Amino acid sequence: MAAKQFALPKQKKYRIDDLPHARNALARVSAHGSPAQKKAVRKAVVRKYPSLKRKK
């Protein structure tokens, strides 16, 4: 699988190649990720799937 299909491509972590995986990545990083990972994953997911952007 290509690195660009992950939210953290250098580590090949948090797969975001489709919407269900993107949602799962958000849930997993929320439970197990560092603050920096959470920010990076959310940014990557929202960039690819704008519909998942949090409403304030």
N, C-alpha and C. Protein backbone atom coordinates (compact mmCIF):
# COMPACT_ATOMS: atom_id res chain seq x y z
N MET A 1 0.84 -1.17 0.00
CA MET A 1 0.00 0.00 0.00
C MET A 1 0.89 1.24 0.00
N ALA A 2 0.53 2.20 -0.78
CA ALA A 2 1.33 3.42 -0.93
C ALA A 2 1.28 4.26 0.35
N ALA A 3 2.38 4.92 0.64
CA ALA A 3 2.48 5.74 1.84
C ALA A 3 1.46 6.88 1.84
N LYS A 4 1.10 7.39 0.67
CA LYS A 4 0.15 8.51 0.60
C LYS A 4 -1.26 8.13 1.04
N GLN A 5 -1.51 6.84 1.25
CA GLN A 5 -2.81 6.38 1.70
C GLN A 5 -2.92 6.34 3.23
N PHE A 6 -1.93 6.89 3.90
CA PHE A 6 -1.90 6.93 5.36
C PHE A 6 -1.87 8.37 5.84
N ALA A 7 -2.44 8.62 7.02
CA ALA A 7 -2.42 9.97 7.60
C ALA A 7 -1.01 10.33 8.06
N LEU A 8 -0.25 9.34 8.51
CA LEU A 8 1.15 9.53 8.88
C LEU A 8 1.98 8.68 7.92
N PRO A 9 2.27 9.21 6.73
CA PRO A 9 2.88 8.40 5.68
C PRO A 9 4.28 7.87 5.99
N LYS A 10 5.09 8.62 6.74
CA LYS A 10 6.45 8.15 7.03
C LYS A 10 6.43 6.87 7.87
N GLN A 11 5.47 6.77 8.77
CA GLN A 11 5.37 5.57 9.61
C GLN A 11 4.36 4.56 9.05
N LYS A 12 3.65 4.94 8.00
CA LYS A 12 2.58 4.13 7.42
C LYS A 12 1.57 3.76 8.51
N LYS A 13 1.08 4.80 9.20
CA LYS A 13 0.10 4.63 10.26
C LYS A 13 -1.18 5.37 9.92
N TYR A 14 -2.28 4.82 10.39
CA TYR A 14 -3.59 5.43 10.26
C TYR A 14 -4.02 5.56 8.79
N ARG A 15 -4.44 4.45 8.27
CA ARG A 15 -4.88 4.33 6.88
C ARG A 15 -6.10 5.23 6.63
N ILE A 16 -6.07 5.99 5.54
CA ILE A 16 -7.19 6.89 5.19
C ILE A 16 -7.56 6.79 3.71
N ASP A 17 -7.41 5.62 3.11
CA ASP A 17 -7.68 5.48 1.69
C ASP A 17 -9.16 5.51 1.34
N ASP A 18 -10.03 5.30 2.33
CA ASP A 18 -11.47 5.43 2.10
C ASP A 18 -12.12 6.01 3.36
N LEU A 19 -13.37 6.39 3.25
CA LEU A 19 -14.05 7.07 4.35
C LEU A 19 -14.14 6.23 5.63
N PRO A 20 -14.49 4.94 5.56
CA PRO A 20 -14.52 4.16 6.80
C PRO A 20 -13.15 4.08 7.49
N HIS A 21 -12.09 3.95 6.72
CA HIS A 21 -10.75 3.91 7.32
C HIS A 21 -10.37 5.27 7.90
N ALA A 22 -10.80 6.34 7.27
CA ALA A 22 -10.51 7.68 7.79
C ALA A 22 -11.20 7.88 9.14
N ARG A 23 -12.44 7.44 9.24
CA ARG A 23 -13.15 7.55 10.52
C ARG A 23 -12.47 6.70 11.58
N ASN A 24 -12.03 5.51 11.19
CA ASN A 24 -11.34 4.64 12.13
C ASN A 24 -10.01 5.25 12.56
N ALA A 25 -9.32 5.89 11.64
CA ALA A 25 -8.05 6.54 11.99
C ALA A 25 -8.27 7.62 13.03
N LEU A 26 -9.33 8.39 12.88
CA LEU A 26 -9.64 9.43 13.87
C LEU A 26 -9.92 8.82 15.24
N ALA A 27 -10.66 7.73 15.26
CA ALA A 27 -10.97 7.07 16.53
C ALA A 27 -9.72 6.49 17.17
N ARG A 28 -8.89 5.83 16.37
CA ARG A 28 -7.68 5.19 16.91
C ARG A 28 -6.68 6.22 17.44
N VAL A 29 -6.46 7.27 16.67
CA VAL A 29 -5.49 8.28 17.12
C VAL A 29 -6.03 9.01 18.35
N SER A 30 -7.33 9.15 18.44
CA SER A 30 -7.93 9.78 19.61
C SER A 30 -7.66 8.96 20.87
N ALA A 31 -7.68 7.66 20.73
CA ALA A 31 -7.47 6.77 21.88
C ALA A 31 -6.00 6.52 22.18
N HIS A 32 -5.16 6.49 21.15
CA HIS A 32 -3.78 6.02 21.35
C HIS A 32 -2.69 6.98 20.89
N GLY A 33 -3.05 8.08 20.25
CA GLY A 33 -2.03 8.96 19.68
C GLY A 33 -1.59 10.08 20.60
N SER A 34 -0.43 10.61 20.29
CA SER A 34 0.08 11.78 21.00
C SER A 34 -0.67 13.01 20.50
N PRO A 35 -0.57 14.13 21.21
CA PRO A 35 -1.22 15.35 20.72
C PRO A 35 -0.76 15.74 19.31
N ALA A 36 0.52 15.57 19.02
CA ALA A 36 1.03 15.91 17.68
C ALA A 36 0.44 14.97 16.62
N GLN A 37 0.32 13.69 16.96
CA GLN A 37 -0.27 12.73 16.02
C GLN A 37 -1.75 13.04 15.79
N LYS A 38 -2.45 13.40 16.86
CA LYS A 38 -3.87 13.73 16.72
C LYS A 38 -4.06 14.89 15.76
N LYS A 39 -3.24 15.91 15.91
CA LYS A 39 -3.34 17.09 15.04
C LYS A 39 -3.02 16.73 13.59
N ALA A 40 -1.97 15.94 13.38
CA ALA A 40 -1.56 15.57 12.02
C ALA A 40 -2.60 14.68 11.34
N VAL A 41 -3.15 13.73 12.08
CA VAL A 41 -4.15 12.83 11.50
C VAL A 41 -5.41 13.60 11.16
N ARG A 42 -5.88 14.44 12.09
CA ARG A 42 -7.09 15.23 11.81
C ARG A 42 -6.88 16.10 10.58
N LYS A 43 -5.73 16.72 10.46
CA LYS A 43 -5.43 17.59 9.30
C LYS A 43 -5.47 16.78 8.00
N ALA A 44 -4.85 15.60 8.01
CA ALA A 44 -4.82 14.76 6.80
C ALA A 44 -6.21 14.27 6.43
N VAL A 45 -6.99 13.87 7.43
CA VAL A 45 -8.33 13.35 7.17
C VAL A 45 -9.24 14.46 6.63
N VAL A 46 -9.20 15.63 7.24
CA VAL A 46 -10.06 16.74 6.79
C VAL A 46 -9.64 17.22 5.41
N ARG A 47 -8.36 17.18 5.12
CA ARG A 47 -7.89 17.58 3.79
C ARG A 47 -8.47 16.64 2.73
N LYS A 48 -8.51 15.35 3.03
CA LYS A 48 -8.99 14.38 2.05
C LYS A 48 -10.51 14.24 2.07
N TYR A 49 -11.11 14.39 3.25
CA TYR A 49 -12.56 14.24 3.42
C TYR A 49 -13.11 15.47 4.16
N PRO A 50 -13.34 16.58 3.47
CA PRO A 50 -13.81 17.80 4.13
C PRO A 50 -15.12 17.63 4.89
N SER A 51 -15.90 16.63 4.53
CA SER A 51 -17.18 16.41 5.22
C SER A 51 -16.97 15.97 6.67
N LEU A 52 -15.76 15.53 7.03
CA LEU A 52 -15.48 15.11 8.40
C LEU A 52 -14.97 16.25 9.28
N LYS A 53 -14.97 17.46 8.75
CA LYS A 53 -14.51 18.60 9.54
C LYS A 53 -15.47 18.84 10.70
N ARG A 54 -14.89 19.11 11.86
CA ARG A 54 -15.71 19.39 13.06
C ARG A 54 -16.42 20.72 12.89
N LYS A 55 -17.65 20.73 13.33
CA LYS A 55 -18.41 21.99 13.34
C LYS A 55 -18.22 22.62 14.70
N LYS A 56 -17.93 23.91 14.72
CA LYS A 56 -17.70 24.61 16.00
C LYS A 56 -18.95 25.29 16.47
